[in-house]
Amino acid sequence: MSLESIKEILETVCYYNTVNITQTFSKNEQALFTVVCLKNTSTLEVKNLQTQMVSYFESVEEAAVAIDKEISACNVTS
């Protein structure tokens, strides 16, 4: 998945920040991250499903770069 595609997805999640939308990012059919936009804000909450670590981002750009980097670094097998 390209960085631009990740940005577009995150922008959509933020656009609908008045409802609960969870986006899951996967690699080789294994879920790696979930992303939600905190209600009525533009803050993105990114949860690593392998470590359960949660990170918060105020910009789509920063979140997209972090997600892209982590997906690229993940060595998962199907």
PDB file of N, CA and C in Angstrom:
ATOM      1  N   MET A   1       0.850  -1.164   0.000  1.00  0.00           N
ATOM      2  CA  MET A   1       0.000   0.000   0.000  1.00  0.00           C
ATOM      3  C   MET A   1       0.900   1.233   0.000  1.00  0.00           C
ATOM      4  N   SER A   2       0.564   2.190  -0.830  1.00  0.00           N
ATOM      5  CA  SER A   2       1.391   3.390  -0.935  1.00  0.00           C
ATOM      6  C   SER A   2       1.110   4.362   0.209  1.00  0.00           C
ATOM      7  N   LEU A   3       2.061   5.243   0.439  1.00  0.00           N
ATOM      8  CA  LEU A   3       1.901   6.278   1.460  1.00  0.00           C
ATOM      9  C   LEU A   3       0.687   7.145   1.147  1.00  0.00           C
ATOM     10  N   GLU A   4       0.488   7.454  -0.125  1.00  0.00           N
ATOM     11  CA  GLU A   4      -0.674   8.265  -0.523  1.00  0.00           C
ATOM     12  C   GLU A   4      -1.986   7.565  -0.191  1.00  0.00           C
ATOM     13  N   SER A   5      -2.043   6.272  -0.406  1.00  0.00           N
ATOM     14  CA  SER A   5      -3.257   5.508  -0.077  1.00  0.00           C
ATOM     15  C   SER A   5      -3.531   5.531   1.423  1.00  0.00           C
ATOM     16  N   ILE A   6      -2.478   5.393   2.207  1.00  0.00           N
ATOM     17  CA  ILE A   6      -2.635   5.448   3.663  1.00  0.00           C
ATOM     18  C   ILE A   6      -3.169   6.817   4.069  1.00  0.00           C
ATOM     19  N   LYS A   7      -2.605   7.886   3.492  1.00  0.00           N
ATOM     20  CA  LYS A   7      -3.067   9.246   3.801  1.00  0.00           C
ATOM     21  C   LYS A   7      -4.544   9.412   3.466  1.00  0.00           C
ATOM     22  N   GLU A   8      -4.948   8.930   2.300  1.00  0.00           N
ATOM     23  CA  GLU A   8      -6.351   9.046   1.888  1.00  0.00           C
ATOM     24  C   GLU A   8      -7.275   8.337   2.874  1.00  0.00           C
ATOM     25  N   ILE A   9      -6.894   7.163   3.308  1.00  0.00           N
ATOM     26  CA  ILE A   9      -7.700   6.414   4.275  1.00  0.00           C
ATOM     27  C   ILE A   9      -7.810   7.193   5.581  1.00  0.00           C
ATOM     28  N   LEU A  10      -6.683   7.711   6.063  1.00  0.00           N
ATOM     29  CA  LEU A  10      -6.686   8.458   7.323  1.00  0.00           C
ATOM     30  C   LEU A  10      -7.499   9.744   7.213  1.00  0.00           C
ATOM     31  N   GLU A  11      -7.419  10.409   6.069  1.00  0.00           N
ATOM     32  CA  GLU A  11      -8.223  11.618   5.860  1.00  0.00           C
ATOM     33  C   GLU A  11      -9.708  11.291   5.910  1.00  0.00           C
ATOM     34  N   THR A  12     -10.092  10.161   5.349  1.00  0.00           N
ATOM     35  CA  THR A  12     -11.494   9.741   5.390  1.00  0.00           C
ATOM     36  C   THR A  12     -11.930   9.448   6.818  1.00  0.00           C
ATOM     37  N   VAL A  13     -11.096   8.751   7.569  1.00  0.00           N
ATOM     38  CA  VAL A  13     -11.415   8.454   8.971  1.00  0.00           C
ATOM     39  C   VAL A  13     -11.602   9.759   9.748  1.00  0.00           C
ATOM     40  N   CYS A  14     -10.736  10.737   9.520  1.00  0.00           N
ATOM     41  CA  CYS A  14     -10.846  12.025  10.221  1.00  0.00           C
ATOM     42  C   CYS A  14     -12.070  12.817   9.773  1.00  0.00           C
ATOM     43  N   TYR A  15     -12.422  12.718   8.507  1.00  0.00           N
ATOM     44  CA  TYR A  15     -13.581  13.444   7.987  1.00  0.00           C
ATOM     45  C   TYR A  15     -14.853  13.020   8.720  1.00  0.00           C
ATOM     46  N   TYR A  16     -14.953  11.750   9.031  1.00  0.00           N
ATOM     47  CA  TYR A  16     -16.131  11.211   9.716  1.00  0.00           C
ATOM     48  C   TYR A  16     -15.873  11.069  11.221  1.00  0.00           C
ATOM     49  N   ASN A  17     -15.298  12.103  11.823  1.00  0.00           N
ATOM     50  CA  ASN A  17     -14.904  12.024  13.230  1.00  0.00           C
ATOM     51  C   ASN A  17     -16.061  12.157  14.219  1.00  0.00           C
ATOM     52  N   THR A  18     -17.281  12.266  13.734  1.00  0.00           N
ATOM     53  CA  THR A  18     -18.431  12.337  14.647  1.00  0.00           C
ATOM     54  C   THR A  18     -19.051  10.961  14.877  1.00  0.00           C
ATOM     55  N   VAL A  19     -18.543   9.966  14.166  1.00  0.00           N
ATOM     56  CA  VAL A  19     -19.028   8.591  14.340  1.00  0.00           C
ATOM     57  C   VAL A  19     -17.835   7.686  14.650  1.00  0.00           C
ATOM     58  N   ASN A  20     -18.119   6.489  15.085  1.00  0.00           N
ATOM     59  CA  ASN A  20     -17.047   5.544  15.420  1.00  0.00           C
ATOM     60  C   ASN A  20     -16.681   4.701  14.206  1.00  0.00           C
ATOM     61  N   ILE A  21     -15.541   5.009  13.608  1.00  0.00           N
ATOM     62  CA  ILE A  21     -15.018   4.227  12.486  1.00  0.00           C
ATOM     63  C   ILE A  21     -13.644   3.714  12.894  1.00  0.00           C
ATOM     64  N   THR A  22     -13.431   2.429  12.719  1.00  0.00           N
ATOM     65  CA  THR A  22     -12.121   1.835  12.982  1.00  0.00           C
ATOM     66  C   THR A  22     -11.585   1.278  11.678  1.00  0.00           C
ATOM     67  N   GLN A  23     -10.384   1.705  11.307  1.00  0.00           N
ATOM     68  CA  GLN A  23      -9.711   1.207  10.115  1.00  0.00           C
ATOM     69  C   GLN A  23      -8.631   0.232  10.561  1.00  0.00           C
ATOM     70  N   THR A  24      -8.598  -0.934   9.949  1.00  0.00           N
ATOM     71  CA  THR A  24      -7.575  -1.928  10.267  1.00  0.00           C
ATOM     72  C   THR A  24      -6.596  -2.031   9.106  1.00  0.00           C
ATOM     73  N   PHE A  25      -5.314  -1.974   9.418  1.00  0.00           N
ATOM     74  CA  PHE A  25      -4.262  -2.161   8.424  1.00  0.00           C
ATOM     75  C   PHE A  25      -3.676  -3.549   8.622  1.00  0.00           C
ATOM     76  N   SER A  26      -3.531  -4.282   7.515  1.00  0.00           N
ATOM     77  CA  SER A  26      -3.050  -5.664   7.558  1.00  0.00           C
ATOM     78  C   SER A  26      -1.909  -5.862   6.574  1.00  0.00           C
ATOM     79  N   LYS A  27      -1.158  -6.935   6.811  1.00  0.00           N
ATOM     80  CA  LYS A  27      -0.129  -7.371   5.873  1.00  0.00           C
ATOM     81  C   LYS A  27      -0.215  -8.882   5.817  1.00  0.00           C
ATOM     82  N   ASN A  28      -0.297  -9.430   4.612  1.00  0.00           N
ATOM     83  CA  ASN A  28      -0.452 -10.877   4.419  1.00  0.00           C
ATOM     84  C   ASN A  28      -1.622 -11.424   5.233  1.00  0.00           C
ATOM     85  N   GLU A  29      -2.708 -10.687   5.218  1.00  0.00           N
ATOM     86  CA  GLU A  29      -3.960 -11.061   5.890  1.00  0.00           C
ATOM     87  C   GLU A  29      -3.856 -11.115   7.410  1.00  0.00           C
ATOM     88  N   GLN A  30      -2.803 -10.549   7.975  1.00  0.00           N
ATOM     89  CA  GLN A  30      -2.665 -10.472   9.432  1.00  0.00           C
ATOM     90  C   GLN A  30      -2.855  -9.017   9.854  1.00  0.00           C
ATOM     91  N   ALA A  31      -3.842  -8.775  10.711  1.00  0.00           N
ATOM     92  CA  ALA A  31      -4.113  -7.422  11.196  1.00  0.00           C
ATOM     93  C   ALA A  31      -2.929  -6.925  12.019  1.00  0.00           C
ATOM     94  N   LEU A  32      -2.460  -5.713  11.696  1.00  0.00           N
ATOM     95  CA  LEU A  32      -1.304  -5.147  12.385  1.00  0.00           C
ATOM     96  C   LEU A  32      -1.654  -3.937  13.238  1.00  0.00           C
ATOM     97  N   PHE A  33      -2.504  -3.053  12.699  1.00  0.00           N
ATOM     98  CA  PHE A  33      -2.836  -1.803  13.367  1.00  0.00           C
ATOM     99  C   PHE A  33      -4.311  -1.501  13.217  1.00  0.00           C
ATOM    100  N   THR A  34      -4.868  -0.830  14.222  1.00  0.00           N
ATOM    101  CA  THR A  34      -6.181  -0.215  14.071  1.00  0.00           C
ATOM    102  C   THR A  34      -5.995   1.285  14.251  1.00  0.00           C
ATOM    103  N   VAL A  35      -6.826   2.037  13.536  1.00  0.00           N
ATOM    104  CA  VAL A  35      -6.780   3.491  13.631  1.00  0.00           C
ATOM    105  C   VAL A  35      -8.192   4.005  13.820  1.00  0.00           C
ATOM    106  N   VAL A  36      -8.342   4.903  14.778  1.00  0.00           N
ATOM    107  CA  VAL A  36      -9.602   5.623  14.962  1.00  0.00           C
ATOM    108  C   VAL A  36      -9.266   7.097  15.093  1.00  0.00           C
ATOM    109  N   CYS A  37     -10.219   7.933  14.713  1.00  0.00           N
ATOM    110  CA  CYS A  37     -10.098   9.363  14.955  1.00  0.00           C
ATOM    111  C   CYS A  37     -10.933   9.644  16.194  1.00  0.00           C
ATOM    112  N   LEU A  38     -10.314  10.215  17.204  1.00  0.00           N
ATOM    113  CA  LEU A  38     -11.041  10.490  18.438  1.00  0.00           C
ATOM    114  C   LEU A  38     -12.216  11.413  18.136  1.00  0.00           C
ATOM    115  N   LYS A  39     -13.345  11.097  18.707  1.00  0.00           N
ATOM    116  CA  LYS A  39     -14.607  11.758  18.386  1.00  0.00           C
ATOM    117  C   LYS A  39     -14.499  13.280  18.512  1.00  0.00           C
ATOM    118  N   ASN A  40     -14.965  13.953  17.454  1.00  0.00           N
ATOM    119  CA  ASN A  40     -15.012  15.416  17.361  1.00  0.00           C
ATOM    120  C   ASN A  40     -13.638  16.085  17.460  1.00  0.00           C
ATOM    121  N   THR A  41     -12.596  15.365  17.060  1.00  0.00           N
ATOM    122  CA  THR A  41     -11.236  15.929  17.022  1.00  0.00           C
ATOM    123  C   THR A  41     -10.597  15.517  15.701  1.00  0.00           C
ATOM    124  N   SER A  42      -9.353  15.905  15.526  1.00  0.00           N
ATOM    125  CA  SER A  42      -8.585  15.411  14.378  1.00  0.00           C
ATOM    126  C   SER A  42      -7.423  14.541  14.861  1.00  0.00           C
ATOM    127  N   THR A  43      -7.497  14.093  16.105  1.00  0.00           N
ATOM    128  CA  THR A  43      -6.453  13.250  16.688  1.00  0.00           C
ATOM    129  C   THR A  43      -6.661  11.795  16.281  1.00  0.00           C
ATOM    130  N   LEU A  44      -5.625  11.213  15.710  1.00  0.00           N
ATOM    131  CA  LEU A  44      -5.669   9.811  15.304  1.00  0.00           C
ATOM    132  C   LEU A  44      -5.031   8.939  16.376  1.00  0.00           C
ATOM    133  N   GLU A  45      -5.744   7.886  16.758  1.00  0.00           N
ATOM    134  CA  GLU A  45      -5.237   6.907  17.715  1.00  0.00           C
ATOM    135  C   GLU A  45      -4.852   5.659  16.934  1.00  0.00           C
ATOM    136  N   VAL A  46      -3.575   5.320  16.970  1.00  0.00           N
ATOM    137  CA  VAL A  46      -3.053   4.161  16.241  1.00  0.00           C
ATOM    138  C   VAL A  46      -2.639   3.112  17.263  1.00  0.00           C
ATOM    139  N   LYS A  47      -3.240   1.929  17.144  1.00  0.00           N
ATOM    140  CA  LYS A  47      -2.934   0.844  18.082  1.00  0.00           C
ATOM    141  C   LYS A  47      -2.235  -0.285  17.338  1.00  0.00           C
ATOM    142  N   ASN A  48      -1.052  -0.638  17.812  1.00  0.00           N
ATOM    143  CA  ASN A  48      -0.311  -1.769  17.279  1.00  0.00           C
ATOM    144  C   ASN A  48      -0.917  -3.025  17.898  1.00  0.00           C
ATOM    145  N   LEU A  49      -1.494  -3.881  17.088  1.00  0.00           N
ATOM    146  CA  LEU A  49      -2.191  -5.059  17.596  1.00  0.00           C
ATOM    147  C   LEU A  49      -1.253  -6.150  18.098  1.00  0.00           C
ATOM    148  N   GLN A  50      -0.003  -6.095  17.698  1.00  0.00           N
ATOM    149  CA  GLN A  50       0.961  -7.088  18.174  1.00  0.00           C
ATOM    150  C   GLN A  50       1.488  -6.734  19.559  1.00  0.00           C
ATOM    151  N   THR A  51       1.718  -5.440  19.802  1.00  0.00           N
ATOM    152  CA  THR A  51       2.290  -5.003  21.081  1.00  0.00           C
ATOM    153  C   THR A  51       1.260  -4.356  22.002  1.00  0.00           C
ATOM    154  N   GLN A  52       0.083  -4.044  21.458  1.00  0.00           N
ATOM    155  CA  GLN A  52      -0.978  -3.327  22.182  1.00  0.00           C
ATOM    156  C   GLN A  52      -0.573  -1.890  22.519  1.00  0.00           C
ATOM    157  N   MET A  53       0.502  -1.401  21.929  1.00  0.00           N
ATOM    158  CA  MET A  53       0.956  -0.033  22.163  1.00  0.00           C
ATOM    159  C   MET A  53       0.074   0.941  21.385  1.00  0.00           C
ATOM    160  N   VAL A  54      -0.298   2.042  22.033  1.00  0.00           N
ATOM    161  CA  VAL A  54      -1.151   3.050  21.415  1.00  0.00           C
ATOM    162  C   VAL A  54      -0.351   4.335  21.240  1.00  0.00           C
ATOM    163  N   SER A  55      -0.452   4.925  20.039  1.00  0.00           N
ATOM    164  CA  SER A  55       0.194   6.204  19.749  1.00  0.00           C
ATOM    165  C   SER A  55      -0.864   7.175  19.254  1.00  0.00           C
ATOM    166  N   TYR A  56      -0.639   8.453  19.510  1.00  0.00           N
ATOM    167  CA  TYR A  56      -1.575   9.491  19.084  1.00  0.00           C
ATOM    168  C   TYR A  56      -0.862  10.447  18.141  1.00  0.00           C
ATOM    169  N   PHE A  57      -1.571  10.839  17.085  1.00  0.00           N
ATOM    170  CA  PHE A  57      -1.015  11.740  16.087  1.00  0.00           C
ATOM    171  C   PHE A  57      -1.998  12.873  15.823  1.00  0.00           C
ATOM    172  N   GLU A  58      -1.461  14.079  15.725  1.00  0.00           N
ATOM    173  CA  GLU A  58      -2.294  15.247  15.442  1.00  0.00           C
ATOM    174  C   GLU A  58      -2.377  15.534  13.946  1.00  0.00           C
ATOM    175  N   SER A  59      -1.520  14.894  13.157  1.00  0.00           N
ATOM    176  CA  SER A  59      -1.569  15.135  11.712  1.00  0.00           C
ATOM    177  C   SER A  59      -1.648  13.816  10.946  1.00  0.00           C
ATOM    178  N   VAL A  60      -2.387  13.864   9.859  1.00  0.00           N
ATOM    179  CA  VAL A  60      -2.523  12.704   8.975  1.00  0.00           C
ATOM    180  C   VAL A  60      -1.158  12.321   8.422  1.00  0.00           C
ATOM    181  N   GLU A  61      -0.372  13.315   8.043  1.00  0.00           N
ATOM    182  CA  GLU A  61       0.951  13.067   7.461  1.00  0.00           C
ATOM    183  C   GLU A  61       1.836  12.259   8.416  1.00  0.00           C
ATOM    184  N   GLU A  62       1.921  12.696   9.671  1.00  0.00           N
ATOM    185  CA  GLU A  62       2.753  11.990  10.654  1.00  0.00           C
ATOM    186  C   GLU A  62       2.262  10.566  10.887  1.00  0.00           C
ATOM    187  N   ALA A  63       0.964  10.410  11.014  1.00  0.00           N
ATOM    188  CA  ALA A  63       0.392   9.080  11.246  1.00  0.00           C
ATOM    189  C   ALA A  63       0.652   8.171  10.050  1.00  0.00           C
ATOM    190  N   ALA A  64       0.469   8.695   8.851  1.00  0.00           N
ATOM    191  CA  ALA A  64       0.666   7.895   7.640  1.00  0.00           C
ATOM    192  C   ALA A  64       2.112   7.426   7.515  1.00  0.00           C
ATOM    193  N   VAL A  65       3.042   8.314   7.777  1.00  0.00           N
ATOM    194  CA  VAL A  65       4.466   7.954   7.694  1.00  0.00           C
ATOM    195  C   VAL A  65       4.795   6.876   8.727  1.00  0.00           C
ATOM    196  N   ALA A  66       4.291   7.031   9.944  1.00  0.00           N
ATOM    197  CA  ALA A  66       4.554   6.045  11.000  1.00  0.00           C
ATOM    198  C   ALA A  66       3.960   4.681  10.646  1.00  0.00           C
ATOM    199  N   ILE A  67       2.730   4.673  10.146  1.00  0.00           N
ATOM    200  CA  ILE A  67       2.074   3.416   9.768  1.00  0.00           C
ATOM    201  C   ILE A  67       2.818   2.751   8.615  1.00  0.00           C
ATOM    202  N   ASP A  68       3.164   3.540   7.608  1.00  0.00           N
ATOM    203  CA  ASP A  68       3.883   3.008   6.449  1.00  0.00           C
ATOM    204  C   ASP A  68       5.215   2.390   6.878  1.00  0.00           C
ATOM    205  N   LYS A  69       5.935   3.075   7.740  1.00  0.00           N
ATOM    206  CA  LYS A  69       7.230   2.578   8.227  1.00  0.00           C
ATOM    207  C   LYS A  69       7.058   1.266   8.987  1.00  0.00           C
ATOM    208  N   GLU A  70       6.070   1.204   9.846  1.00  0.00           N
ATOM    209  CA  GLU A  70       5.843  -0.005  10.649  1.00  0.00           C
ATOM    210  C   GLU A  70       5.375  -1.182   9.796  1.00  0.00           C
ATOM    211  N   ILE A  71       4.501  -0.928   8.840  1.00  0.00           N
ATOM    212  CA  ILE A  71       4.037  -2.004   7.957  1.00  0.00           C
ATOM    213  C   ILE A  71       5.216  -2.561   7.160  1.00  0.00           C
ATOM    214  N   SER A  72       6.058  -1.663   6.659  1.00  0.00           N
ATOM    215  CA  SER A  72       7.225  -2.099   5.882  1.00  0.00           C
ATOM    216  C   SER A  72       8.193  -2.917   6.728  1.00  0.00           C
ATOM    217  N   ALA A  73       8.292  -2.583   8.015  1.00  0.00           N
ATOM    218  CA  ALA A  73       9.235  -3.266   8.906  1.00  0.00           C
ATOM    219  C   ALA A  73       8.710  -4.601   9.419  1.00  0.00           C
ATOM    220  N   CYS A  74       7.400  -4.810   9.341  1.00  0.00           N
ATOM    221  CA  CYS A  74       6.808  -6.040   9.882  1.00  0.00           C
ATOM    222  C   CYS A  74       7.147  -7.233   9.006  1.00  0.00           C
ATOM    223  N   ASN A  75       7.628  -8.266   9.649  1.00  0.00           N
ATOM    224  CA  ASN A  75       7.906  -9.527   8.964  1.00  0.00           C
ATOM    225  C   ASN A  75       6.848 -10.532   9.383  1.00  0.00           C
ATOM    226  N   VAL A  76       5.728 -10.522   8.672  1.00  0.00           N
ATOM    227  CA  VAL A  76       4.667 -11.482   8.975  1.00  0.00           C
ATOM    228  C   VAL A  76       4.559 -12.468   7.832  1.00  0.00           C
ATOM    229  N   THR A  77       4.192 -13.665   8.180  1.00  0.00           N
ATOM    230  CA  THR A  77       3.988 -14.691   7.164  1.00  0.00           C
ATOM    231  C   THR A  77       2.544 -15.123   7.198  1.00  0.00           C
ATOM    232  N   SER A  78       2.047 -15.479   6.047  1.00  0.00           N
ATOM    233  CA  SER A  78       0.641 -15.897   5.982  1.00  0.00           C
ATOM    234  C   SER A  78       0.473 -17.341   6.375  1.00  0.00           C
TER     235      SER A  78
END
